Amino acid sequence: RAQFGETYADSFARDHVMSELGGRTVMEALEAGWEAKDVWRAV
């Protein structure tokens, strides 16, 4: 939220597919069991 803003952080996490997360979104990576610190580093 500090980086992307209150509204866009959630949208980014649900919609932006990232190669750094193996072609997953932030939400998909977290749901797949990725550690939050690793997801944050990828972001």
Full PDB file with SEQRES, HELIX, SHEET, SSBOND, CRYST1, ORIGX, SCALE, CONECT and MASTER records, all heavy atoms in Angstrom:
SEQRES   1 A   43  ARG ALA GLN PHE GLY GLU THR TYR ALA ASP SER PHE ALA          
SEQRES   2 A   43  ARG ASP HIS VAL MET SER GLU LEU GLY GLY ARG THR VAL          
SEQRES   3 A   43  MET GLU ALA LEU GLU ALA GLY TRP GLU ALA LYS ASP VAL          
SEQRES   4 A   43  TRP ARG ALA VAL                                              
HELIX    1 AA1 GLU A    6  ASP A   15  1                                  10    
HELIX    2 AA2 SER A   19  LEU A   21  5                                   3    
HELIX    3 AA3 VAL A   26  GLU A   31  1                                   6    
HELIX    4 AA4 ALA A   36  ALA A   42  1                                   7    
CRYST1    1.000    1.000    1.000  90.00  90.00  90.00 P 1           1          
ORIGX1      1.000000  0.000000  0.000000        0.00000                         
ORIGX2      0.000000  1.000000  0.000000        0.00000                         
ORIGX3      0.000000  0.000000  1.000000        0.00000                         
SCALE1      1.000000  0.000000  0.000000        0.00000                         
SCALE2      0.000000  1.000000  0.000000        0.00000                         
SCALE3      0.000000  0.000000  1.000000        0.00000                         
ATOM      1  N   ARG A   1       0.823  -1.221   0.000  1.00  0.00           N  
ATOM      2  CA  ARG A   1       0.000   0.000   0.000  1.00  0.00           C  
ATOM      3  C   ARG A   1       0.852   1.264   0.000  1.00  0.00           C  
ATOM      4  O   ARG A   1       0.511   2.249  -0.646  1.00  0.00           O  
ATOM      5  CB  ARG A   1      -0.954  -0.017   1.186  1.00  0.00           C  
ATOM      6  CG  ARG A   1      -2.096  -1.013   1.016  1.00  0.00           C  
ATOM      7  CD  ARG A   1      -3.154  -0.865   2.090  1.00  0.00           C  
ATOM      8  NE  ARG A   1      -2.655  -1.205   3.405  1.00  0.00           N  
ATOM      9  CZ  ARG A   1      -2.660  -2.423   3.940  1.00  0.00           C  
ATOM     10  NH1 ARG A   1      -3.136  -3.444   3.258  1.00  0.00           N  
ATOM     11  NH2 ARG A   1      -2.194  -2.634   5.153  1.00  0.00           N  
ATOM     12  N   ALA A   2       1.981   1.218   0.704  1.00  0.00           N  
ATOM     13  CA  ALA A   2       2.875   2.379   0.727  1.00  0.00           C  
ATOM     14  C   ALA A   2       3.469   2.628  -0.656  1.00  0.00           C  
ATOM     15  O   ALA A   2       3.637   3.784  -1.067  1.00  0.00           O  
ATOM     16  CB  ALA A   2       3.983   2.170   1.755  1.00  0.00           C  
ATOM     17  N   GLN A   3       3.759   1.571  -1.379  1.00  0.00           N  
ATOM     18  CA  GLN A   3       4.363   1.709  -2.697  1.00  0.00           C  
ATOM     19  C   GLN A   3       3.356   2.054  -3.786  1.00  0.00           C  
ATOM     20  O   GLN A   3       3.613   2.892  -4.632  1.00  0.00           O  
ATOM     21  CB  GLN A   3       5.105   0.416  -3.069  1.00  0.00           C  
ATOM     22  CG  GLN A   3       5.752   0.423  -4.432  1.00  0.00           C  
ATOM     23  CD  GLN A   3       6.838   1.477  -4.580  1.00  0.00           C  
ATOM     24  OE1 GLN A   3       7.522   1.820  -3.628  1.00  0.00           O  
ATOM     25  NE2 GLN A   3       6.990   1.998  -5.783  1.00  0.00           N  
ATOM     26  N   PHE A   4       2.199   1.382  -3.766  1.00  0.00           N  
ATOM     27  CA  PHE A   4       1.258   1.499  -4.881  1.00  0.00           C  
ATOM     28  C   PHE A   4      -0.018   2.260  -4.562  1.00  0.00           C  
ATOM     29  O   PHE A   4      -0.808   2.523  -5.456  1.00  0.00           O  
ATOM     30  CB  PHE A   4       0.880   0.101  -5.388  1.00  0.00           C  
ATOM     31  CG  PHE A   4       2.055  -0.679  -5.900  1.00  0.00           C  
ATOM     32  CD1 PHE A   4       2.538  -1.764  -5.196  1.00  0.00           C  
ATOM     33  CD2 PHE A   4       2.678  -0.324  -7.072  1.00  0.00           C  
ATOM     34  CE1 PHE A   4       3.631  -2.488  -5.657  1.00  0.00           C  
ATOM     35  CE2 PHE A   4       3.776  -1.037  -7.548  1.00  0.00           C  
ATOM     36  CZ  PHE A   4       4.255  -2.125  -6.831  1.00  0.00           C  
ATOM     37  N   GLY A   5      -0.239   2.580  -3.311  1.00  0.00           N  
ATOM     38  CA  GLY A   5      -1.475   3.245  -2.926  1.00  0.00           C  
ATOM     39  C   GLY A   5      -2.502   2.230  -2.462  1.00  0.00           C  
ATOM     40  O   GLY A   5      -2.432   1.045  -2.779  1.00  0.00           O  
ATOM     41  N   GLU A   6      -3.443   2.711  -1.697  1.00  0.00           N  
ATOM     42  CA  GLU A   6      -4.454   1.863  -1.067  1.00  0.00           C  
ATOM     43  C   GLU A   6      -5.238   1.020  -2.069  1.00  0.00           C  
ATOM     44  O   GLU A   6      -5.414  -0.176  -1.894  1.00  0.00           O  
ATOM     45  CB  GLU A   6      -5.411   2.749  -0.267  1.00  0.00           C  
ATOM     46  CG  GLU A   6      -6.239   2.028   0.749  1.00  0.00           C  
ATOM     47  CD  GLU A   6      -5.446   1.522   1.941  1.00  0.00           C  
ATOM     48  OE1 GLU A   6      -4.471   2.167   2.346  1.00  0.00           O  
ATOM     49  OE2 GLU A   6      -5.824   0.468   2.469  1.00  0.00           O  
ATOM     50  N   THR A   7      -5.716   1.626  -3.122  1.00  0.00           N  
ATOM     51  CA  THR A   7      -6.563   0.929  -4.091  1.00  0.00           C  
ATOM     52  C   THR A   7      -5.749   0.116  -5.085  1.00  0.00           C  
ATOM     53  O   THR A   7      -6.066  -1.037  -5.360  1.00  0.00           O  
ATOM     54  CB  THR A   7      -7.437   1.940  -4.853  1.00  0.00           C  
ATOM     55  OG1 THR A   7      -8.207   2.674  -3.912  1.00  0.00           O  
ATOM     56  CG2 THR A   7      -8.361   1.243  -5.825  1.00  0.00           C  
ATOM     57  N   TYR A   8      -4.685   0.702  -5.628  1.00  0.00           N  
ATOM     58  CA  TYR A   8      -3.940   0.028  -6.685  1.00  0.00           C  
ATOM     59  C   TYR A   8      -3.171  -1.183  -6.170  1.00  0.00           C  
ATOM     60  O   TYR A   8      -2.940  -2.137  -6.922  1.00  0.00           O  
ATOM     61  CB  TYR A   8      -3.006   1.002  -7.392  1.00  0.00           C  
ATOM     62  CG  TYR A   8      -2.316   0.373  -8.580  1.00  0.00           C  
ATOM     63  CD1 TYR A   8      -3.055  -0.088  -9.663  1.00  0.00           C  
ATOM     64  CD2 TYR A   8      -0.938   0.224  -8.612  1.00  0.00           C  
ATOM     65  CE1 TYR A   8      -2.435  -0.682 -10.754  1.00  0.00           C  
ATOM     66  CE2 TYR A   8      -0.314  -0.367  -9.694  1.00  0.00           C  
ATOM     67  CZ  TYR A   8      -1.066  -0.820 -10.761  1.00  0.00           C  
ATOM     68  OH  TYR A   8      -0.443  -1.405 -11.830  1.00  0.00           O  
ATOM     69  N   ALA A   9      -2.758  -1.194  -4.910  1.00  0.00           N  
ATOM     70  CA  ALA A   9      -2.010  -2.339  -4.362  1.00  0.00           C  
ATOM     71  C   ALA A   9      -2.810  -3.625  -4.514  1.00  0.00           C  
ATOM     72  O   ALA A   9      -2.276  -4.657  -4.946  1.00  0.00           O  
ATOM     73  CB  ALA A   9      -1.659  -2.093  -2.898  1.00  0.00           C  
ATOM     74  N   ASP A  10      -4.076  -3.580  -4.195  1.00  0.00           N  
ATOM     75  CA  ASP A  10      -4.933  -4.757  -4.302  1.00  0.00           C  
ATOM     76  C   ASP A  10      -5.129  -5.167  -5.760  1.00  0.00           C  
ATOM     77  O   ASP A  10      -5.025  -6.338  -6.110  1.00  0.00           O  
ATOM     78  CB  ASP A  10      -6.283  -4.491  -3.635  1.00  0.00           C  
ATOM     79  CG  ASP A  10      -7.167  -5.712  -3.629  1.00  0.00           C  
ATOM     80  OD1 ASP A  10      -6.755  -6.751  -3.079  1.00  0.00           O  
ATOM     81  OD2 ASP A  10      -8.270  -5.641  -4.210  1.00  0.00           O  
ATOM     82  N   SER A  11      -5.373  -4.198  -6.605  1.00  0.00           N  
ATOM     83  CA  SER A  11      -5.549  -4.472  -8.029  1.00  0.00           C  
ATOM     84  C   SER A  11      -4.275  -5.059  -8.633  1.00  0.00           C  
ATOM     85  O   SER A  11      -4.325  -6.046  -9.378  1.00  0.00           O  
ATOM     86  CB  SER A  11      -5.928  -3.182  -8.759  1.00  0.00           C  
ATOM     87  OG  SER A  11      -6.006  -3.399 -10.139  1.00  0.00           O  
ATOM     88  N   PHE A  12      -3.147  -4.465  -8.320  1.00  0.00           N  
ATOM     89  CA  PHE A  12      -1.866  -4.967  -8.799  1.00  0.00           C  
ATOM     90  C   PHE A  12      -1.668  -6.411  -8.357  1.00  0.00           C  
ATOM     91  O   PHE A  12      -1.274  -7.274  -9.145  1.00  0.00           O  
ATOM     92  CB  PHE A  12      -0.727  -4.086  -8.269  1.00  0.00           C  
ATOM     93  CG  PHE A  12       0.638  -4.578  -8.645  1.00  0.00           C  
ATOM     94  CD1 PHE A  12       1.217  -4.190  -9.836  1.00  0.00           C  
ATOM     95  CD2 PHE A  12       1.347  -5.434  -7.806  1.00  0.00           C  
ATOM     96  CE1 PHE A  12       2.479  -4.646 -10.196  1.00  0.00           C  
ATOM     97  CE2 PHE A  12       2.599  -5.894  -8.160  1.00  0.00           C  
ATOM     98  CZ  PHE A  12       3.167  -5.501  -9.353  1.00  0.00           C  
ATOM     99  N   ALA A  13      -1.937  -6.688  -7.090  1.00  0.00           N  
ATOM    100  CA  ALA A  13      -1.725  -8.029  -6.536  1.00  0.00           C  
ATOM    101  C   ALA A  13      -2.609  -9.081  -7.210  1.00  0.00           C  
ATOM    102  O   ALA A  13      -2.207 -10.240  -7.343  1.00  0.00           O  
ATOM    103  CB  ALA A  13      -1.988  -8.016  -5.029  1.00  0.00           C  
ATOM    104  N   ARG A  14      -3.785  -8.694  -7.641  1.00  0.00           N  
ATOM    105  CA  ARG A  14      -4.714  -9.649  -8.269  1.00  0.00           C  
ATOM    106  C   ARG A  14      -4.526  -9.772  -9.777  1.00  0.00           C  
ATOM    107  O   ARG A  14      -4.794 -10.842 -10.341  1.00  0.00           O  
ATOM    108  CB  ARG A  14      -6.162  -9.229  -8.000  1.00  0.00           C  
ATOM    109  CG  ARG A  14      -6.629  -9.602  -6.611  1.00  0.00           C  
ATOM    110  CD  ARG A  14      -8.093  -9.314  -6.407  1.00  0.00           C  
ATOM    111  NE  ARG A  14      -8.261  -7.879  -6.157  1.00  0.00           N  
ATOM    112  CZ  ARG A  14      -9.092  -7.099  -6.821  1.00  0.00           C  
ATOM    113  NH1 ARG A  14      -9.869  -7.575  -7.744  1.00  0.00           N  
ATOM    114  NH2 ARG A  14      -9.163  -5.829  -6.525  1.00  0.00           N  
ATOM    115  N   ASP A  15      -4.046  -8.719 -10.435  1.00  0.00           N  
ATOM    116  CA  ASP A  15      -4.079  -8.676 -11.894  1.00  0.00           C  
ATOM    117  C   ASP A  15      -2.733  -8.728 -12.611  1.00  0.00           C  
ATOM    118  O   ASP A  15      -2.684  -9.126 -13.769  1.00  0.00           O  
ATOM    119  CB  ASP A  15      -4.816  -7.413 -12.346  1.00  0.00           C  
ATOM    120  CG  ASP A  15      -6.237  -7.368 -11.846  1.00  0.00           C  
ATOM    121  OD1 ASP A  15      -6.843  -8.439 -11.644  1.00  0.00           O  
ATOM    122  OD2 ASP A  15      -6.757  -6.252 -11.641  1.00  0.00           O  
ATOM    123  N   HIS A  16      -1.666  -8.311 -11.967  1.00  0.00           N  
ATOM    124  CA  HIS A  16      -0.369  -8.188 -12.649  1.00  0.00           C  
ATOM    125  C   HIS A  16       0.402  -9.504 -12.581  1.00  0.00           C  
ATOM    126  O   HIS A  16       0.864  -9.914 -11.518  1.00  0.00           O  
ATOM    127  CB  HIS A  16       0.442  -7.059 -12.014  1.00  0.00           C  
ATOM    128  CG  HIS A  16       1.679  -6.713 -12.770  1.00  0.00           C  
ATOM    129  ND1 HIS A  16       1.662  -5.907 -13.882  1.00  0.00           N  
ATOM    130  CD2 HIS A  16       2.962  -7.087 -12.587  1.00  0.00           C  
ATOM    131  CE1 HIS A  16       2.892  -5.785 -14.338  1.00  0.00           C  
ATOM    132  NE2 HIS A  16       3.702  -6.499 -13.572  1.00  0.00           N  
ATOM    133  N   VAL A  17       0.541 -10.174 -13.714  1.00  0.00           N  
ATOM    134  CA  VAL A  17       1.292 -11.425 -13.791  1.00  0.00           C  
ATOM    135  C   VAL A  17       2.770 -11.078 -13.901  1.00  0.00           C  
ATOM    136  O   VAL A  17       3.171 -10.258 -14.729  1.00  0.00           O  
ATOM    137  CB  VAL A  17       0.833 -12.262 -15.008  1.00  0.00           C  
ATOM    138  CG1 VAL A  17       1.680 -13.512 -15.155  1.00  0.00           C  
ATOM    139  CG2 VAL A  17      -0.640 -12.622 -14.864  1.00  0.00           C  
ATOM    140  N   MET A  18       3.579 -11.713 -13.068  1.00  0.00           N  
ATOM    141  CA  MET A  18       4.996 -11.392 -12.996  1.00  0.00           C  
ATOM    142  C   MET A  18       5.865 -12.599 -13.323  1.00  0.00           C  
ATOM    143  O   MET A  18       5.682 -13.671 -12.733  1.00  0.00           O  
ATOM    144  CB  MET A  18       5.337 -10.878 -11.588  1.00  0.00           C  
ATOM    145  CG  MET A  18       4.589  -9.628 -11.208  1.00  0.00           C  
ATOM    146  SD  MET A  18       4.806  -9.119  -9.489  1.00  0.00           S  
ATOM    147  CE  MET A  18       6.546  -9.212  -9.281  1.00  0.00           C  
ATOM    148  N   SER A  19       6.810 -12.425 -14.218  1.00  0.00           N  
ATOM    149  CA  SER A  19       7.730 -13.515 -14.543  1.00  0.00           C  
ATOM    150  C   SER A  19       8.581 -13.873 -13.323  1.00  0.00           C  
ATOM    151  O   SER A  19       8.948 -15.034 -13.144  1.00  0.00           O  
ATOM    152  CB  SER A  19       8.626 -13.142 -15.728  1.00  0.00           C  
ATOM    153  OG  SER A  19       9.397 -11.995 -15.428  1.00  0.00           O  
ATOM    154  N   GLU A  20       8.864 -12.890 -12.472  1.00  0.00           N  
ATOM    155  CA  GLU A  20       9.647 -13.128 -11.254  1.00  0.00           C  
ATOM    156  C   GLU A  20       8.943 -14.077 -10.290  1.00  0.00           C  
ATOM    157  O   GLU A  20       9.578 -14.645  -9.404  1.00  0.00           O  
ATOM    158  CB  GLU A  20       9.945 -11.804 -10.531  1.00  0.00           C  
ATOM    159  CG  GLU A  20      10.846 -10.862 -11.296  1.00  0.00           C  
ATOM    160  CD  GLU A  20      10.122 -10.026 -12.347  1.00  0.00           C  
ATOM    161  OE1 GLU A  20       8.898 -10.186 -12.533  1.00  0.00           O  
ATOM    162  OE2 GLU A  20      10.793  -9.212 -13.002  1.00  0.00           O  
ATOM    163  N   LEU A  21       7.647 -14.232 -10.471  1.00  0.00           N  
ATOM    164  CA  LEU A  21       6.863 -15.151  -9.623  1.00  0.00           C  
ATOM    165  C   LEU A  21       6.444 -16.391 -10.410  1.00  0.00           C  
ATOM    166  O   LEU A  21       5.463 -17.048 -10.070  1.00  0.00           O  
ATOM    167  CB  LEU A  21       5.628 -14.430  -9.067  1.00  0.00           C  
ATOM    168  CG  LEU A  21       5.917 -13.258  -8.132  1.00  0.00           C  
ATOM    169  CD1 LEU A  21       4.615 -12.549  -7.754  1.00  0.00           C  
ATOM    170  CD2 LEU A  21       6.653 -13.723  -6.886  1.00  0.00           C  
ATOM    171  N   GLY A  22       7.178 -16.688 -11.458  1.00  0.00           N  
ATOM    172  CA  GLY A  22       6.878 -17.872 -12.251  1.00  0.00           C  
ATOM    173  C   GLY A  22       5.595 -17.762 -13.043  1.00  0.00           C  
ATOM    174  O   GLY A  22       4.893 -18.757 -13.240  1.00  0.00           O  
ATOM    175  N   GLY A  23       5.278 -16.546 -13.502  1.00  0.00           N  
ATOM    176  CA  GLY A  23       4.060 -16.340 -14.277  1.00  0.00           C  
ATOM    177  C   GLY A  23       2.813 -16.279 -13.423  1.00  0.00           C  
ATOM    178  O   GLY A  23       1.709 -16.534 -13.900  1.00  0.00           O  
ATOM    179  N   ARG A  24       2.988 -15.932 -12.167  1.00  0.00           N  
ATOM    180  CA  ARG A  24       1.864 -15.802 -11.236  1.00  0.00           C  
ATOM    181  C   ARG A  24       1.647 -14.338 -10.875  1.00  0.00           C  
ATOM    182  O   ARG A  24       2.534 -13.516 -11.019  1.00  0.00           O  
ATOM    183  CB  ARG A  24       2.152 -16.565  -9.940  1.00  0.00           C  
ATOM    184  CG  ARG A  24       2.263 -18.042 -10.070  1.00  0.00           C  
ATOM    185  CD  ARG A  24       2.635 -18.639  -8.701  1.00  0.00           C  
ATOM    186  NE  ARG A  24       2.726 -20.077  -8.739  1.00  0.00           N  
ATOM    187  CZ  ARG A  24       3.834 -20.755  -9.019  1.00  0.00           C  
ATOM    188  NH1 ARG A  24       4.952 -20.103  -9.298  1.00  0.00           N  
ATOM    189  NH2 ARG A  24       3.835 -22.070  -9.034  1.00  0.00           N  
ATOM    190  N   THR A  25       0.471 -14.073 -10.343  1.00  0.00           N  
ATOM    191  CA  THR A  25       0.225 -12.778  -9.721  1.00  0.00           C  
ATOM    192  C   THR A  25       0.713 -12.866  -8.275  1.00  0.00           C  
ATOM    193  O   THR A  25       1.021 -13.953  -7.774  1.00  0.00           O  
ATOM    194  CB  THR A  25      -1.279 -12.434  -9.714  1.00  0.00           C  
ATOM    195  OG1 THR A  25      -1.958 -13.373  -8.871  1.00  0.00           O  
ATOM    196  CG2 THR A  25      -1.868 -12.442 -11.117  1.00  0.00           C  
ATOM    197  N   VAL A  26       0.757 -11.738  -7.604  1.00  0.00           N  
ATOM    198  CA  VAL A  26       1.123 -11.720  -6.180  1.00  0.00           C  
ATOM    199  C   VAL A  26       0.176 -12.623  -5.392  1.00  0.00           C  
ATOM    200  O   VAL A  26       0.618 -13.450  -4.579  1.00  0.00           O  
ATOM    201  CB  VAL A  26       1.096 -10.273  -5.631  1.00  0.00           C  
ATOM    202  CG1 VAL A  26       1.134 -10.253  -4.119  1.00  0.00           C  
ATOM    203  CG2 VAL A  26       2.245  -9.464  -6.214  1.00  0.00           C  
ATOM    204  N   MET A  27      -1.105 -12.493  -5.625  1.00  0.00           N  
ATOM    205  CA  MET A  27      -2.085 -13.303  -4.890  1.00  0.00           C  
ATOM    206  C   MET A  27      -1.899 -14.791  -5.161  1.00  0.00           C  
ATOM    207  O   MET A  27      -1.956 -15.602  -4.232  1.00  0.00           O  
ATOM    208  CB  MET A  27      -3.512 -12.872  -5.242  1.00  0.00           C  
ATOM    209  CG  MET A  27      -3.855 -11.474  -4.769  1.00  0.00           C  
ATOM    210  SD  MET A  27      -3.721 -11.252  -2.979  1.00  0.00           S  
ATOM    211  CE  MET A  27      -5.163 -12.155  -2.461  1.00  0.00           C  
ATOM    212  N   GLU A  28      -1.673 -15.148  -6.407  1.00  0.00           N  
ATOM    213  CA  GLU A  28      -1.464 -16.559  -6.743  1.00  0.00           C  
ATOM    214  C   GLU A  28      -0.211 -17.106  -6.072  1.00  0.00           C  
ATOM    215  O   GLU A  28      -0.215 -18.237  -5.577  1.00  0.00           O  
ATOM    216  CB  GLU A  28      -1.372 -16.740  -8.257  1.00  0.00           C  
ATOM    217  CG  GLU A  28      -2.682 -16.521  -8.971  1.00  0.00           C  
ATOM    218  CD  GLU A  28      -2.530 -16.448 -10.477  1.00  0.00           C  
ATOM    219  OE1 GLU A  28      -1.426 -16.154 -10.988  1.00  0.00           O  
ATOM    220  OE2 GLU A  28      -3.559 -16.675 -11.155  1.00  0.00           O  
ATOM    221  N   ALA A  29       0.848 -16.312  -6.053  1.00  0.00           N  
ATOM    222  CA  ALA A  29       2.086 -16.753  -5.411  1.00  0.00           C  
ATOM    223  C   ALA A  29       1.877 -16.955  -3.915  1.00  0.00           C  
ATOM    224  O   ALA A  29       2.308 -17.967  -3.348  1.00  0.00           O  
ATOM    225  CB  ALA A  29       3.204 -15.745  -5.669  1.00  0.00           C  
ATOM    226  N   LEU A  30       1.214 -16.010  -3.267  1.00  0.00           N  
ATOM    227  CA  LEU A  30       0.950 -16.152  -1.831  1.00  0.00           C  
ATOM    228  C   LEU A  30       0.067 -17.368  -1.550  1.00  0.00           C  
ATOM    229  O   LEU A  30       0.333 -18.135  -0.616  1.00  0.00           O  
ATOM    230  CB  LEU A  30       0.314 -14.884  -1.272  1.00  0.00           C  
ATOM    231  CG  LEU A  30       1.216 -13.643  -1.238  1.00  0.00           C  
ATOM    232  CD1 LEU A  30       0.407 -12.405  -0.886  1.00  0.00           C  
ATOM    233  CD2 LEU A  30       2.378 -13.838  -0.270  1.00  0.00           C  
ATOM    234  N   GLU A  31      -0.956 -17.560  -2.367  1.00  0.00           N  
ATOM    235  CA  GLU A  31      -1.852 -18.704  -2.192  1.00  0.00           C  
ATOM    236  C   GLU A  31      -1.142 -20.029  -2.464  1.00  0.00           C  
ATOM    237  O   GLU A  31      -1.506 -21.056  -1.897  1.00  0.00           O  
ATOM    238  CB  GLU A  31      -3.071 -18.561  -3.095  1.00  0.00           C  
ATOM    239  CG  GLU A  31      -4.009 -17.467  -2.645  1.00  0.00           C  
ATOM    240  CD  GLU A  31      -5.085 -17.118  -3.654  1.00  0.00           C  
ATOM    241  OE1 GLU A  31      -5.139 -17.741  -4.745  1.00  0.00           O  
ATOM    242  OE2 GLU A  31      -5.878 -16.203  -3.356  1.00  0.00           O  
ATOM    243  N   ALA A  32      -0.110 -19.998  -3.312  1.00  0.00           N  
ATOM    244  CA  ALA A  32       0.659 -21.207  -3.630  1.00  0.00           C  
ATOM    245  C   ALA A  32       1.698 -21.519  -2.552  1.00  0.00           C  
ATOM    246  O   ALA A  32       2.395 -22.524  -2.650  1.00  0.00           O  
ATOM    247  CB  ALA A  32       1.344 -21.048  -4.987  1.00  0.00           C  
ATOM    248  N   GLY A  33       1.804 -20.640  -1.556  1.00  0.00           N  
ATOM    249  CA  GLY A  33       2.708 -20.913  -0.444  1.00  0.00           C  
ATOM    250  C   GLY A  33       4.031 -20.175  -0.470  1.00  0.00           C  
ATOM    251  O   GLY A  33       4.901 -20.439   0.350  1.00  0.00           O  
ATOM    252  N   TRP A  34       4.184 -19.249  -1.412  1.00  0.00           N  
ATOM    253  CA  TRP A  34       5.405 -18.456  -1.426  1.00  0.00           C  
ATOM    254  C   TRP A  34       5.485 -17.635  -0.144  1.00  0.00           C  
ATOM    255  O   TRP A  34       4.467 -17.153   0.367  1.00  0.00           O  
ATOM    256  CB  TRP A  34       5.409 -17.508  -2.605  1.00  0.00           C  
ATOM    257  CG  TRP A  34       5.706 -18.127  -3.932  1.00  0.00           C  
ATOM    258  CD1 TRP A  34       5.103 -19.211  -4.489  1.00  0.00           C  
ATOM    259  CD2 TRP A  34       6.665 -17.679  -4.877  1.00  0.00           C  
ATOM    260  NE1 TRP A  34       5.624 -19.452  -5.730  1.00  0.00           N  
ATOM    261  CE2 TRP A  34       6.588 -18.527  -5.992  1.00  0.00           C  
ATOM    262  CE3 TRP A  34       7.576 -16.631  -4.896  1.00  0.00           C  
ATOM    263  CZ2 TRP A  34       7.401 -18.368  -7.111  1.00  0.00           C  
ATOM    264  CZ3 TRP A  34       8.368 -16.458  -6.017  1.00  0.00           C  
ATOM    265  CH2 TRP A  34       8.285 -17.329  -7.100  1.00  0.00           C  
ATOM    266  N   GLU A  35       6.675 -17.446   0.361  1.00  0.00           N  
ATOM    267  CA  GLU A  35       6.897 -16.592   1.527  1.00  0.00           C  
ATOM    268  C   GLU A  35       6.659 -15.136   1.130  1.00  0.00           C  
ATOM    269  O   GLU A  35       7.062 -14.714   0.037  1.00  0.00           O  
ATOM    270  CB  GLU A  35       8.325 -16.751   2.049  1.00  0.00           C  
ATOM    271  CG  GLU A  35       8.631 -18.125   2.598  1.00  0.00           C  
ATOM    272  CD  GLU A  35       7.944 -18.374   3.918  1.00  0.00           C  
ATOM    273  OE1 GLU A  35       7.749 -17.409   4.701  1.00  0.00           O  
ATOM    274  OE2 GLU A  35       7.591 -19.536   4.168  1.00  0.00           O  
ATOM    275  N   ALA A  36       6.036 -14.380   2.014  1.00  0.00           N  
ATOM    276  CA  ALA A  36       5.742 -12.976   1.732  1.00  0.00           C  
ATOM    277  C   ALA A  36       7.010 -12.191   1.416  1.00  0.00           C  
ATOM    278  O   ALA A  36       7.020 -11.349   0.521  1.00  0.00           O  
ATOM    279  CB  ALA A  36       5.005 -12.345   2.905  1.00  0.00           C  
ATOM    280  N   LYS A  37       8.111 -12.483   2.113  1.00  0.00           N  
ATOM    281  CA  LYS A  37       9.362 -11.757   1.861  1.00  0.00           C  
ATOM    282  C   LYS A  37       9.871 -12.014   0.442  1.00  0.00           C  
ATOM    283  O   LYS A  37      10.407 -11.117  -0.198  1.00  0.00           O  
ATOM    284  CB  LYS A  37      10.431 -12.101   2.892  1.00  0.00           C  
ATOM    285  CG  LYS A  37      10.916 -13.520   2.822  1.00  0.00           C  
ATOM    286  CD  LYS A  37      11.966 -13.809   3.861  1.00  0.00           C  
ATOM    287  CE  LYS A  37      12.354 -15.285   3.748  1.00  0.00           C  
ATOM    288  NZ  LYS A  37      13.348 -15.651   4.711  1.00  0.00           N  
ATOM    289  N   ASP A  38       9.704 -13.235  -0.058  1.00  0.00           N  
ATOM    290  CA  ASP A  38      10.147 -13.554  -1.411  1.00  0.00           C  
ATOM    291  C   ASP A  38       9.264 -12.881  -2.458  1.00  0.00           C  
ATOM    292  O   ASP A  38       9.754 -12.419  -3.489  1.00  0.00           O  
ATOM    293  CB  ASP A  38      10.167 -15.067  -1.627  1.00  0.00           C  
ATOM    294  CG  ASP A  38      11.177 -15.752  -0.732  1.00  0.00           C  
ATOM    295  OD1 ASP A  38      12.227 -15.135  -0.413  1.00  0.00           O  
ATOM    296  OD2 ASP A  38      10.931 -16.905  -0.330  1.00  0.00           O  
ATOM    297  N   VAL A  39       7.970 -12.814  -2.175  1.00  0.00           N  
ATOM    298  CA  VAL A  39       7.053 -12.119  -3.082  1.00  0.00           C  
ATOM    299  C   VAL A  39       7.387 -10.631  -3.091  1.00  0.00           C  
ATOM    300  O   VAL A  39       7.443 -10.012  -4.158  1.00  0.00           O  
ATOM    301  CB  VAL A  39       5.581 -12.373  -2.688  1.00  0.00           C  
ATOM    302  CG1 VAL A  39       4.639 -11.556  -3.560  1.00  0.00           C  
ATOM    303  CG2 VAL A  39       5.248 -13.859  -2.774  1.00  0.00           C  
ATOM    304  N   TRP A  40       7.632 -10.060  -1.928  1.00  0.00           N  
ATOM    305  CA  TRP A  40       7.981  -8.644  -1.864  1.00  0.00           C  
ATOM    306  C   TRP A  40       9.262  -8.363  -2.642  1.00  0.00           C  
ATOM    307  O   TRP A  40       9.363  -7.391  -3.385  1.00  0.00           O  
ATOM    308  CB  TRP A  40       8.107  -8.166  -0.417  1.00  0.00           C  
ATOM    309  CG  TRP A  40       8.522  -6.732  -0.331  1.00  0.00           C  
ATOM    310  CD1 TRP A  40       9.677  -6.239   0.183  1.00  0.00           C  
ATOM    311  CD2 TRP A  40       7.798  -5.593  -0.806  1.00  0.00           C  
ATOM    312  NE1 TRP A  40       9.722  -4.868   0.055  1.00  0.00           N  
ATOM    313  CE2 TRP A  40       8.569  -4.453  -0.553  1.00  0.00           C  
ATOM    314  CE3 TRP A  40       6.564  -5.437  -1.433  1.00  0.00           C  
ATOM    315  CZ2 TRP A  40       8.157  -3.169  -0.896  1.00  0.00           C  
ATOM    316  CZ3 TRP A  40       6.147  -4.155  -1.774  1.00  0.00           C  
ATOM    317  CH2 TRP A  40       6.934  -3.035  -1.502  1.00  0.00           C  
ATOM    318  N   ARG A  41      10.267  -9.220  -2.489  1.00  0.00           N  
ATOM    319  CA  ARG A  41      11.518  -9.046  -3.234  1.00  0.00           C  
ATOM    320  C   ARG A  41      11.264  -9.080  -4.742  1.00  0.00           C  
ATOM    321  O   ARG A  41      11.847  -8.298  -5.490  1.00  0.00           O  
ATOM    322  CB  ARG A  41      12.516 -10.126  -2.846  1.00  0.00           C  
ATOM    323  CG  ARG A  41      13.091  -9.923  -1.469  1.00  0.00           C  
ATOM    324  CD  ARG A  41      14.046 -11.034  -1.097  1.00  0.00           C  
ATOM    325  NE  ARG A  41      14.498 -10.879   0.275  1.00  0.00           N  
ATOM    326  CZ  ARG A  41      14.790 -11.884   1.064  1.00  0.00           C  
ATOM    327  NH1 ARG A  41      14.711 -13.126   0.633  1.00  0.00           N  
ATOM    328  NH2 ARG A  41      15.188 -11.659   2.307  1.00  0.00           N  
ATOM    329  N   ALA A  42      10.403  -9.978  -5.175  1.00  0.00           N  
ATOM    330  CA  ALA A  42      10.070 -10.074  -6.604  1.00  0.00           C  
ATOM    331  C   ALA A  42       9.372  -8.808  -7.083  1.00  0.00           C  
ATOM    332  O   ALA A  42       9.669  -8.298  -8.166  1.00  0.00           O  
ATOM    333  CB  ALA A  42       9.200 -11.304  -6.863  1.00  0.00           C  
ATOM    334  N   VAL A  43       8.460  -8.290  -6.286  1.00  0.00           N  
ATOM    335  CA  VAL A  43       7.768  -7.040  -6.626  1.00  0.00           C  
ATOM    336  C   VAL A  43       8.786  -5.904  -6.726  1.00  0.00           C  
ATOM    337  O   VAL A  43       8.747  -5.108  -7.666  1.00  0.00           O  
ATOM    338  CB  VAL A  43       6.672  -6.707  -5.588  1.00  0.00           C  
ATOM    339  CG1 VAL A  43       6.139  -5.296  -5.784  1.00  0.00           C  
ATOM    340  CG2 VAL A  43       5.545  -7.727  -5.647  1.00  0.00           C  
TER     341      VAL A  43                                                      
MASTER        0    0    0    4    0    0    0    6  340    1    0    4          
END                                                                             
